[in-house]
C-alpha atoms as a PDB file:
ATOM      1  CA  MET A   1      -0.054  -0.053   0.087  1.00  0.00           C
ATOM      2  CA  ILE A   2       2.658   2.305   0.840  1.00  0.00           C
ATOM      3  CA  VAL A   3       4.411   1.739  -2.458  1.00  0.00           C
ATOM      4  CA  ALA A   4       1.180   2.418  -4.102  1.00  0.00           C
ATOM      5  CA  ALA A   5       0.689   5.510  -2.347  1.00  0.00           C
ATOM      6  CA  SER A   6       3.628   7.327  -3.333  1.00  0.00           C
ATOM      7  CA  GLU A   7       3.365   6.296  -6.909  1.00  0.00           C
ATOM      8  CA  THR A   8       0.163   7.995  -7.198  1.00  0.00           C
ATOM      9  CA  ALA A   9       1.934  11.001  -5.276  1.00  0.00           C
ATOM     10  CA  ARG A  10       4.544  11.072  -8.080  1.00  0.00           C
ATOM     11  CA  ARG A  11       1.907  10.922 -10.805  1.00  0.00           C
ATOM     12  CA  ARG A  12      -0.150  13.835  -9.382  1.00  0.00           C
ATOM     13  CA  CYS A  13       3.264  15.621  -9.315  1.00  0.00           C
ATOM     14  CA  ALA A  14       4.086  14.966 -12.755  1.00  0.00           C
ATOM     15  CA  MET A  15       0.758  16.373 -13.811  1.00  0.00           C
ATOM     16  CA  ALA A  16       0.806  19.301 -11.913  1.00  0.00           C
ATOM     17  CA  THR A  17       4.045  19.915 -13.439  1.00  0.00           C
ATOM     18  CA  ALA A  18       2.935  19.276 -17.020  1.00  0.00           C
ATOM     19  CA  LEU A  19      -0.089  21.596 -16.284  1.00  0.00           C
ATOM     20  CA  ILE A  20       2.241  24.676 -14.731  1.00  0.00           C
ATOM     21  CA  VAL A  21       4.899  24.077 -18.131  1.00  0.00           C
ATOM     22  CA  ALA A  22       1.877  24.136 -20.075  1.00  0.00           C
ATOM     23  CA  LEU A  23       0.507  27.506 -18.592  1.00  0.00           C
ATOM     24  CA  LEU A  24       3.795  29.214 -18.571  1.00  0.00           C
ATOM     25  CA  LEU A  25       4.365  28.352 -22.527  1.00  0.00           C
ATOM     26  CA  SER A  26       1.017  29.528 -23.345  1.00  0.00           C
ATOM     27  CA  ALA A  27       1.206  32.663 -21.552  1.00  0.00           C
ATOM     28  CA  LEU A  28       5.155  33.507 -23.042  1.00  0.00           C
ATOM     29  CA  ILE A  29       3.657  32.666 -26.546  1.00  0.00           C
ATOM     30  CA  LEU A  30       0.480  34.917 -26.349  1.00  0.00           C
ATOM     31  CA  TRP A  31       2.005  37.700 -24.259  1.00  0.00           C
ATOM     32  CA  PRO A  32       2.175  40.832 -26.143  1.00  0.00           C
ATOM     33  CA  ARG A  33       5.560  42.319 -27.399  1.00  0.00           C
ATOM     34  CA  GLY A  34       6.488  46.046 -27.068  1.00  0.00           C
ATOM     35  CA  SER A  35       8.285  45.862 -30.606  1.00  0.00           C
ATOM     36  CA  GLN A  36       5.031  45.217 -32.513  1.00  0.00           C
ATOM     37  CA  ARG A  37       2.806  48.051 -33.758  1.00  0.00           C
ATOM     38  CA  HIS A  38      -0.718  48.079 -33.815  1.00  0.00           C
ATOM     39  CA  PRO A  39      -1.996  48.717 -37.373  1.00  0.00           C
ATOM     40  CA  ASP A  40      -4.173  51.589 -36.021  1.00  0.00           C
ATOM     41  CA  SER A  41      -1.430  53.713 -35.092  1.00  0.00           C
ATOM     42  CA  THR A  42      -0.986  57.238 -35.882  1.00  0.00           C
ATOM     43  CA  ASP A  43       1.691  57.002 -38.274  1.00  0.00           C
ATOM     44  CA  ALA A  44      -0.286  54.339 -40.330  1.00  0.00           C
ATOM     45  CA  ARG A  45      -0.757  55.060 -44.097  1.00  0.00           C
ATOM     46  CA  THR A  46      -3.853  54.458 -46.144  1.00  0.00           C
ATOM     47  CA  ILE A  47      -3.162  53.215 -49.497  1.00  0.00           C
ATOM     48  CA  VAL A  48      -5.392  54.248 -52.149  1.00  0.00           C
ATOM     49  CA  PRO A  49      -5.596  51.943 -55.201  1.00  0.00           C
ATOM     50  CA  ASN A  50      -5.531  53.336 -58.776  1.00  0.00           C
ATOM     51  CA  GLN A  51      -8.965  53.357 -60.463  1.00  0.00           C
ATOM     52  CA  VAL A  52      -9.379  50.850 -63.362  1.00  0.00           C
ATOM     53  CA  SER A  53     -12.148  51.110 -65.928  1.00  0.00           C
ATOM     54  CA  PRO A  54     -12.977  47.648 -66.788  1.00  0.00           C
ATOM     55  CA  ALA A  55     -14.111  48.867 -70.350  1.00  0.00           C
ATOM     56  CA  GLY A  56     -10.854  50.429 -70.875  1.00  0.00           C
ATOM     57  CA  ASN A  57      -8.750  47.465 -70.415  1.00  0.00           C
ATOM     58  CA  VAL A  58     -10.792  44.981 -72.851  1.00  0.00           C
ATOM     59  CA  THR A  59      -8.344  44.098 -75.602  1.00  0.00           C
ATOM     60  CA  ARG A  60     -10.113  41.176 -76.703  1.00  0.00           C
ATOM     61  CA  ARG A  61     -13.553  39.359 -76.791  1.00  0.00           C
ATOM     62  CA  LEU A  62     -14.065  36.797 -74.378  1.00  0.00           C
ATOM     63  CA  PHE A  63     -16.468  34.572 -76.446  1.00  0.00           C
ATOM     64  CA  ALA A  64     -16.226  34.169 -80.284  1.00  0.00           C
ATOM     65  CA  ASP A  65     -19.141  34.827 -82.449  1.00  0.00           C
ATOM     66  CA  PRO A  66     -21.985  31.644 -82.800  1.00  0.00           C
ATOM     67  CA  ILE A  67     -21.361  29.360 -85.438  1.00  0.00           C
ATOM     68  CA  VAL A  68     -24.142  29.797 -88.136  1.00  0.00           C
ATOM     69  CA  VAL A  69     -24.439  26.710 -90.589  1.00  0.00           C
ATOM     70  CA  GLU A  70     -25.498  28.017 -93.950  1.00  0.00           C
ATOM     71  CA  GLY A  71     -28.528  25.753 -95.329  1.00  0.00           C
ATOM     72  CA  SER A  72     -29.353  24.271 -91.900  1.00  0.00           C
ATOM     73  CA  ALA A  73     -33.153  23.544 -91.440  1.00  0.00           C
ATOM     74  CA  PRO A  74     -34.944  26.157 -89.318  1.00  0.00           C
ATOM     75  CA  LYS A  75     -36.151  25.003 -85.436  1.00  0.00           C
ATOM     76  CA  THR A  76     -39.673  25.836 -86.797  1.00  0.00           C
ATOM     77  CA  ASP A  77     -39.473  23.142 -89.084  1.00  0.00           C
ATOM     78  CA  ALA A  78     -39.858  20.294 -86.566  1.00  0.00           C
ATOM     79  CA  PRO A  79     -43.630  19.771 -85.256  1.00  0.00           C
ATOM     80  CA  THR A  80     -45.035  21.980 -82.697  1.00  0.00           C
ATOM     81  CA  LEU A  81     -45.807  20.457 -79.553  1.00  0.00           C
ATOM     82  CA  ILE A  82     -48.707  21.282 -77.849  1.00  0.00           C
ATOM     83  CA  GLY A  83     -48.854  18.649 -75.060  1.00  0.00           C
ATOM     84  CA  ILE A  84     -47.849  15.446 -73.325  1.00  0.00           C
ATOM     85  CA  ALA A  85     -50.292  12.820 -71.728  1.00  0.00           C
ATOM     86  CA  GLY A  86     -50.196   9.398 -70.249  1.00  0.00           C
ATOM     87  CA  ARG A  87     -47.371   7.933 -67.960  1.00  0.00           C
ATOM     88  CA  LEU A  88     -43.731   8.152 -69.176  1.00  0.00           C
ATOM     89  CA  PRO A  89     -41.573   6.172 -70.269  1.00  0.00           C
ATOM     90  CA  ASN A  90     -44.343   3.522 -71.651  1.00  0.00           C
ATOM     91  CA  ASP A  91     -47.593   4.761 -72.164  1.00  0.00           C
ATOM     92  CA  ALA A  92     -46.995   8.467 -72.721  1.00  0.00           C
ATOM     93  CA  ILE A  93     -48.515  10.307 -76.251  1.00  0.00           C
ATOM     94  CA  ALA A  94     -47.370  13.561 -77.527  1.00  0.00           C
ATOM     95  CA  MET A  95     -49.919  16.098 -79.080  1.00  0.00           C
ATOM     96  CA  VAL A  96     -48.651  18.093 -81.905  1.00  0.00           C
ATOM     97  CA  ARG A  97     -50.377  20.794 -84.110  1.00  0.00           C
ATOM     98  CA  ASP A  98     -50.506  22.047 -87.555  1.00  0.00           C
ATOM     99  CA  GLY A  99     -52.672  23.959 -90.045  1.00  0.00           C
ATOM    100  CA  ASP A 100     -54.790  20.822 -90.260  1.00  0.00           C
ATOM    101  CA  GLY A 101     -55.327  20.291 -86.607  1.00  0.00           C
ATOM    102  CA  THR A 102     -53.929  18.455 -83.767  1.00  0.00           C
ATOM    103  CA  HIS A 103     -52.380  14.676 -84.161  1.00  0.00           C
ATOM    104  CA  ILE A 104     -51.742  12.083 -81.605  1.00  0.00           C
ATOM    105  CA  LEU A 105     -48.489  10.543 -81.654  1.00  0.00           C
ATOM    106  CA  ALA A 106     -46.830   7.460 -79.537  1.00  0.00           C
ATOM    107  CA  ILE A 107     -43.076   6.893 -79.285  1.00  0.00           C
ATOM    108  CA  GLY A 108     -41.988   5.577 -82.793  1.00  0.00           C
ATOM    109  CA  GLN A 109     -44.783   6.881 -84.711  1.00  0.00           C
ATOM    110  CA  SER A 110     -44.134   9.360 -87.571  1.00  0.00           C
ATOM    111  CA  TYR A 111     -45.407  12.686 -88.210  1.00  0.00           C
ATOM    112  CA  GLY A 112     -44.732  14.273 -91.672  1.00  0.00           C
ATOM    113  CA  GLU A 113     -41.043  13.202 -92.168  1.00  0.00           C
ATOM    114  CA  TRP A 114     -40.295  13.711 -88.306  1.00  0.00           C
ATOM    115  CA  ARG A 115     -40.329  10.641 -85.970  1.00  0.00           C
ATOM    116  CA  LEU A 116     -40.869  11.005 -82.394  1.00  0.00           C
ATOM    117  CA  ASP A 117     -38.001   8.971 -80.761  1.00  0.00           C
ATOM    118  CA  SER A 118     -38.421   9.847 -77.108  1.00  0.00           C
ATOM    119  CA  LEU A 119     -40.527  11.816 -74.373  1.00  0.00           C
ATOM    120  CA  SER A 120     -39.812  13.465 -71.266  1.00  0.00           C
ATOM    121  CA  ALA A 121     -41.859  15.430 -69.061  1.00  0.00           C
ATOM    122  CA  ASP A 122     -41.465  18.750 -70.634  1.00  0.00           C
ATOM    123  CA  ALA A 123     -40.342  18.076 -74.152  1.00  0.00           C
ATOM    124  CA  ALA A 124     -40.143  15.593 -77.245  1.00  0.00           C
ATOM    125  CA  LEU A 125     -37.260  14.653 -79.368  1.00  0.00           C
ATOM    126  CA  PHE A 126     -38.136  14.257 -83.026  1.00  0.00           C
ATOM    127  CA  THR A 127     -35.644  12.669 -85.520  1.00  0.00           C
ATOM    128  CA  ARG A 128     -35.540  13.083 -89.521  1.00  0.00           C
ATOM    129  CA  GLY A 129     -32.679  11.469 -91.216  1.00  0.00           C
ATOM    130  CA  SER A 130     -29.458  12.816 -89.102  1.00  0.00           C
ATOM    131  CA  GLN A 131     -30.947  15.895 -87.804  1.00  0.00           C
ATOM    132  CA  HIS A 132     -32.628  15.602 -84.186  1.00  0.00           C
ATOM    133  CA  ARG A 133     -34.973  18.517 -82.778  1.00  0.00           C
ATOM    134  CA  ARG A 134     -35.749  18.811 -79.280  1.00  0.00           C
ATOM    135  CA  VAL A 135     -39.257  20.913 -78.914  1.00  0.00           C
ATOM    136  CA  ALA A 136     -40.335  21.808 -75.526  1.00  0.00           C
ATOM    137  CA  LEU A 137     -43.725  22.553 -74.300  1.00  0.00           C
ATOM    138  CA  PRO A 138     -44.723  26.200 -74.663  1.00  0.00           C
ATOM    139  CA  SER A 139     -44.857  27.985 -71.381  1.00  0.00           C
ATOM    140  CA  ALA A 140     -47.929  29.822 -70.532  1.00  0.00           C
ATOM    141  CA  SER A 141     -46.093  33.416 -71.684  1.00  0.00           C
ATOM    142  CA  GLU A 142     -45.473  31.814 -74.936  1.00  0.00           C
ATOM    143  CA  GLU A 143     -49.179  30.531 -75.475  1.00  0.00           C
ATOM    144  CA  ALA A 144     -50.521  33.895 -74.487  1.00  0.00           C
ATOM    145  CA  ALA A 145     -48.462  35.811 -77.073  1.00  0.00           C
ATOM    146  CA  PRO A 146     -50.136  34.412 -80.186  1.00  0.00           C
ATOM    147  CA  GLU A 147     -53.752  35.141 -78.353  1.00  0.00           C
ATOM    148  CA  ALA A 148     -52.655  38.775 -77.551  1.00  0.00           C
ATOM    149  CA  ALA A 149     -51.205  39.197 -81.240  1.00  0.00           C
ATOM    150  CA  GLN A 150     -54.940  38.323 -82.402  1.00  0.00           C
END
C-alpha cells in the first residue's frame, strides 16, 4: 500500500508540473511584445488603389461569335408540341399541332418526315434522317403571346 501511495503522489506531481509548464508556455507565447506596432497607430498610411475602368482594359473578346451553319433547317421545321399525356416512359403520347389540326403520336410513330423518338415531362425528341430536334412544351407566356396578337 505504501508503494502504491507514493506512485500515485509521483503521478500527481508529474501532472501538476506538466500543467504549470503548459500554462507558462502559453502565457509566454501569447504575451504581447512591445516591438510590434498596432495597425491603427497614428503614423499608419492609407493605400489608395488606382482607379481602373473595366471597359478601357478590354483588348479582345471573351467569346467568339456563334457558329452559323448555312443551309441548316430552321427550328420551326419540327412539329409544334402542344401537350404530353400518359405515363412516362411507356404509355406516354405527344400532341402536335399544324394547320390541319391536332395529331396524337406515340413513341416511334411519324408525323410528316419527323419520327417521335422519346418523350420527357416537358419535351419531345423528333428525328428526321440525321437531324434531331428537341421540342419543348410552350410556357404559359408563350401561349398567351399569339392570342394577344389576334
